[in-house]
Amino acid sequence: MVLASWVRLRIRRARALSALRASAIALPAGESSPATEARVRWAVNVVGRRIPLARNCLVRAMVARSLLRRRGYTSRVVVGVARASEGRLTAHAWVENPTGELVVGGHEAGSYTPLACKDLESA
């Protein structure tokens, strides 16, 4: 029972990583930035649904930034905080392109106050 679950998880992980690699390799260097951003968003979401560790917004943001950087596009990872209704702090990470448009993790970004940014040009 445990072995079968482990095998299924390994197969799902391998398929997700294969899809991510295929999408990263298939992106032509001359493609427009919005199309590339959409493909990176798709790849990050596909892998995030299949690999438990990739469901974390910070992991997704760092992966998206790496994929964009690989294609020659600059972006930045932003970490923001907000106070939840119970009074505790919550945090969220997202990726912005140079014009400030949200690439990954943006659906929740409006309710967070930016706390730290990983600059556009720094490694």
Protein backbone atom coordinates (compact mmCIF):
# COMPACT_ATOMS: atom_id res chain seq x y z
CA MET A 1 0.00 0.00 0.00
CA VAL A 2 2.71 2.47 1.00
CA LEU A 3 4.93 1.33 -1.85
CA ALA A 4 2.14 1.87 -4.39
CA SER A 5 1.54 5.39 -3.09
CA TRP A 6 5.24 6.16 -3.24
CA VAL A 7 5.46 4.88 -6.84
CA ARG A 8 2.43 6.96 -7.90
CA LEU A 9 3.97 10.07 -6.32
CA ARG A 10 7.29 9.45 -8.10
CA ILE A 11 5.51 9.02 -11.45
CA ARG A 12 3.50 12.23 -10.96
CA ARG A 13 6.67 14.08 -9.98
CA ALA A 14 8.54 12.78 -13.03
CA ARG A 15 5.71 13.79 -15.36
CA ALA A 16 5.46 17.26 -13.84
CA LEU A 17 9.20 17.84 -14.09
CA SER A 18 9.15 16.57 -17.67
CA ALA A 19 6.38 19.05 -18.55
CA LEU A 20 8.33 21.86 -16.92
CA ARG A 21 11.51 20.97 -18.79
CA ALA A 22 9.65 20.68 -22.08
CA SER A 23 8.00 24.08 -21.65
CA ALA A 24 11.30 25.70 -20.67
CA ILE A 25 13.11 24.23 -23.64
CA ALA A 26 10.29 25.01 -26.09
CA LEU A 27 10.30 28.75 -25.35
CA PRO A 28 12.00 30.50 -28.27
CA ALA A 29 14.34 33.31 -27.27
CA GLY A 30 12.64 35.86 -29.54
CA GLU A 31 9.14 35.31 -28.16
CA SER A 32 7.35 38.36 -26.79
CA SER A 33 7.47 38.94 -23.05
CA PRO A 34 3.71 38.54 -22.35
CA ALA A 35 3.64 35.18 -24.15
CA THR A 36 6.72 34.01 -22.29
CA GLU A 37 5.25 35.16 -18.99
CA ALA A 38 2.06 33.24 -19.73
CA ARG A 39 4.02 30.06 -20.48
CA VAL A 40 6.10 30.43 -17.32
CA ARG A 41 2.90 31.02 -15.31
CA TRP A 42 1.43 27.86 -16.84
CA ALA A 43 4.54 25.77 -16.10
CA VAL A 44 4.74 26.96 -12.49
CA ASN A 45 1.04 26.22 -11.92
CA VAL A 46 1.25 22.74 -13.47
CA VAL A 47 4.21 21.74 -11.33
CA GLY A 48 2.66 23.40 -8.26
CA ARG A 49 -0.41 21.20 -8.55
CA ARG A 50 1.63 18.01 -8.76
CA ILE A 51 4.56 18.50 -6.39
CA PRO A 52 3.65 19.33 -2.77
CA LEU A 53 6.81 21.36 -2.13
CA ALA A 54 6.04 23.63 -5.10
CA ARG A 55 2.74 24.82 -3.59
CA ASN A 56 4.60 27.39 -1.51
CA CYS A 57 4.31 30.88 -3.05
CA LEU A 58 7.98 31.69 -2.41
CA VAL A 59 9.12 28.52 -4.18
CA ARG A 60 6.82 29.32 -7.11
CA ALA A 61 8.13 32.89 -7.30
CA MET A 62 11.77 31.81 -7.29
CA VAL A 63 11.13 29.17 -9.97
CA ALA A 64 9.27 31.68 -12.15
CA ARG A 65 12.08 34.21 -11.79
CA SER A 66 14.64 31.56 -12.76
CA LEU A 67 12.66 30.54 -15.83
CA LEU A 68 12.23 34.15 -16.94
CA ARG A 69 15.88 34.91 -16.34
CA ARG A 70 16.86 31.87 -18.38
CA ARG A 71 15.01 33.40 -21.32
CA GLY A 72 16.71 36.76 -20.87
CA TYR A 73 13.85 38.62 -19.17
CA THR A 74 14.33 40.66 -16.04
CA SER A 75 11.90 40.37 -13.16
CA ARG A 76 11.84 40.67 -9.41
CA VAL A 77 10.52 38.64 -6.51
CA VAL A 78 8.48 40.69 -4.04
CA VAL A 79 7.62 39.50 -0.53
CA GLY A 80 4.71 41.21 1.17
CA VAL A 81 2.97 40.95 4.52
CA ALA A 82 -0.58 41.53 5.72
CA ARG A 83 -2.44 41.23 8.98
CA ALA A 84 -5.05 38.47 8.98
CA SER A 85 -8.46 38.87 10.60
CA GLU A 86 -7.26 37.02 13.72
CA GLY A 87 -4.45 39.54 14.12
CA ARG A 88 -1.58 37.33 12.98
CA LEU A 89 0.80 38.24 10.16
CA THR A 90 0.64 36.43 6.84
CA ALA A 91 3.17 36.64 4.03
CA HIS A 92 3.03 36.16 0.27
CA ALA A 93 5.58 36.22 -2.56
CA TRP A 94 5.01 37.15 -6.19
CA VAL A 95 6.95 38.05 -9.33
CA GLU A 96 6.73 41.37 -11.18
CA ASN A 97 8.16 42.28 -14.56
CA PRO A 98 10.08 45.57 -15.05
CA THR A 99 6.87 47.52 -15.72
CA GLY A 100 5.37 46.38 -12.41
CA GLU A 101 2.88 43.95 -13.94
CA LEU A 102 2.36 40.77 -11.95
CA VAL A 103 3.64 37.58 -13.54
CA VAL A 104 3.15 34.87 -10.88
CA GLY A 105 1.27 34.99 -7.57
CA GLY A 106 -0.49 38.22 -8.41
CA HIS A 107 -4.06 37.26 -7.64
CA GLU A 108 -3.44 37.86 -3.92
CA ALA A 109 -0.71 40.50 -4.13
CA GLY A 110 -3.03 43.50 -3.82
CA SER A 111 -3.85 42.81 -0.19
CA TYR A 112 -0.20 42.62 0.90
CA THR A 113 2.23 45.43 1.73
CA PRO A 114 5.59 44.88 -0.02
CA LEU A 115 8.29 44.22 2.53
CA ALA A 116 11.27 43.10 0.47
CA CYS A 117 12.20 42.87 -3.19
CA LYS A 118 14.87 40.90 -4.99
CA ASP A 119 16.14 43.49 -7.48
CA LEU A 120 15.65 43.09 -11.20
CA GLU A 121 19.31 42.76 -12.13
CA SER A 122 20.83 41.06 -9.08
CA ALA A 123 21.41 37.33 -9.08
